[in-house]
Amino acid sequence: MPKRPAKKKRLTPPQILLGIHLAELGFLTVTEHKFCADRDWRFDRADLVNKVGYECDGGKRTGGHRRGDAIDDENEKINTATLNGWRVIKFTNEFVLSGEAKNFLARWL
């Protein structure tokens, strides 16, 4: 039986808005870029030219999907990306939705 194509992950409003803000600032990014061949790790958005990965983290107050062992996996993901030459910039969903992420990027990039 042929393998079914992987289901596309639905983007969250912060992930969509971050892409809009990056485009407004002149950065061309792609969605859900897989950066590690050995693992199914992906950046929410990635600038392939400048090798910058962007992550939106939800659940700031509740822990969201980043609890327990998931924290170790997230750290391994970010460390692996860094050691493979990626710069990784992470924002909470609230920071993106409020516009603070865009202001931060405009100031630093």
Protein backbone atom coordinates (compact mmCIF):
# COMPACT_ATOMS: atom_id res chain seq x y z
CA MET A 1 0.00 0.00 0.00
CA PRO A 2 1.45 3.44 -0.93
CA LYS A 3 2.46 5.73 1.90
CA ARG A 4 0.07 8.62 2.51
CA PRO A 5 1.54 12.10 2.36
CA ALA A 6 2.07 13.68 5.76
CA LYS A 7 -0.75 15.90 6.93
CA LYS A 8 0.16 19.57 6.75
CA LYS A 9 0.23 21.21 10.15
CA ARG A 10 -2.27 24.01 10.54
CA LEU A 11 -0.53 27.31 11.22
CA THR A 12 -1.47 29.22 14.33
CA PRO A 13 -2.38 32.93 14.16
CA PRO A 14 0.98 33.91 15.75
CA GLN A 15 2.90 31.84 13.16
CA ILE A 16 0.96 33.51 10.34
CA LEU A 17 1.42 36.99 11.82
CA LEU A 18 5.15 36.42 12.36
CA GLY A 19 5.48 35.56 8.66
CA ILE A 20 3.65 38.77 7.74
CA HIS A 21 5.85 40.84 10.04
CA LEU A 22 9.04 39.27 8.69
CA ALA A 23 7.92 39.98 5.11
CA GLU A 24 7.11 43.60 6.04
CA LEU A 25 10.66 43.88 7.42
CA GLY A 26 12.09 42.51 4.15
CA PHE A 27 12.86 38.92 5.22
CA LEU A 28 11.80 36.09 2.97
CA THR A 29 10.89 33.04 5.04
CA VAL A 30 9.39 29.62 4.49
CA THR A 31 6.97 27.81 6.75
CA GLU A 32 7.71 24.58 8.63
CA HIS A 33 11.29 24.14 7.39
CA LYS A 34 12.75 20.75 8.36
CA PHE A 35 16.36 21.47 9.34
CA CYS A 36 17.52 18.07 10.63
CA ALA A 37 17.51 14.98 8.42
CA ASP A 38 17.69 12.60 11.38
CA ARG A 39 14.70 14.04 13.25
CA ASP A 40 11.38 15.54 12.28
CA TRP A 41 12.39 18.90 13.72
CA ARG A 42 11.07 21.98 11.96
CA PHE A 43 11.20 25.71 12.49
CA ASP A 44 7.87 27.54 12.48
CA ARG A 45 9.45 29.92 9.98
CA ALA A 46 12.94 29.93 8.47
CA ASP A 47 15.05 32.39 6.52
CA LEU A 48 17.05 30.00 4.36
CA VAL A 49 19.37 32.68 2.97
CA ASN A 50 20.53 33.94 6.37
CA LYS A 51 20.02 30.59 8.13
CA VAL A 52 17.73 31.98 10.84
CA GLY A 53 14.98 29.87 12.39
CA TYR A 54 11.99 31.47 14.10
CA GLU A 55 9.87 29.75 16.74
CA CYS A 56 6.54 30.78 18.28
CA ASP A 57 5.93 29.22 21.69
CA GLY A 58 2.43 29.04 23.11
CA GLY A 59 1.24 28.28 26.60
CA LYS A 60 3.33 30.89 28.40
CA ARG A 61 1.18 30.71 31.51
CA THR A 62 0.11 27.05 31.41
CA GLY A 63 3.29 25.44 30.09
CA GLY A 64 1.50 24.51 26.87
CA HIS A 65 3.21 21.69 25.02
CA ARG A 66 6.54 22.48 26.68
CA ARG A 67 6.33 20.47 29.92
CA GLY A 68 8.41 17.67 31.37
CA ASP A 69 10.37 15.67 28.80
CA ALA A 70 9.18 17.97 26.03
CA ILE A 71 11.43 20.70 27.44
CA ASP A 72 14.46 18.43 27.01
CA ASP A 73 13.45 17.67 23.41
CA GLU A 74 13.02 21.39 22.68
CA ASN A 75 16.45 22.13 24.13
CA GLU A 76 18.00 19.34 22.05
CA LYS A 77 16.27 20.74 18.95
CA ILE A 78 17.54 24.30 19.50
CA ASN A 79 21.05 23.13 20.46
CA THR A 80 21.25 20.89 17.37
CA ALA A 81 20.16 23.75 15.13
CA THR A 82 22.71 26.09 16.70
CA LEU A 83 25.56 23.61 16.33
CA ASN A 84 24.59 23.19 12.66
CA GLY A 85 25.01 26.91 11.98
CA TRP A 86 21.46 28.16 12.53
CA ARG A 87 20.58 31.20 14.60
CA VAL A 88 17.28 30.60 16.38
CA ILE A 89 14.97 33.36 17.56
CA LYS A 90 12.07 32.41 19.82
CA PHE A 91 9.02 34.43 20.80
CA THR A 92 5.95 33.71 22.89
CA ASN A 93 2.67 33.88 21.01
CA GLU A 94 1.69 36.93 23.07
CA PHE A 95 4.88 38.76 22.05
CA VAL A 96 4.09 38.15 18.36
CA LEU A 97 0.40 39.08 18.65
CA SER A 98 1.16 42.31 20.53
CA GLY A 99 3.62 43.49 17.85
CA GLU A 100 6.57 43.41 20.26
CA ALA A 101 8.29 40.68 18.23
CA LYS A 102 8.16 42.85 15.11
CA ASN A 103 9.58 45.81 17.07
CA PHE A 104 12.35 43.61 18.45
CA LEU A 105 13.26 42.31 14.98
CA ALA A 106 13.20 45.82 13.48
CA ARG A 107 15.57 46.98 16.20
CA TRP A 108 18.04 44.06 16.06
CA LEU A 109 18.05 42.62 12.54
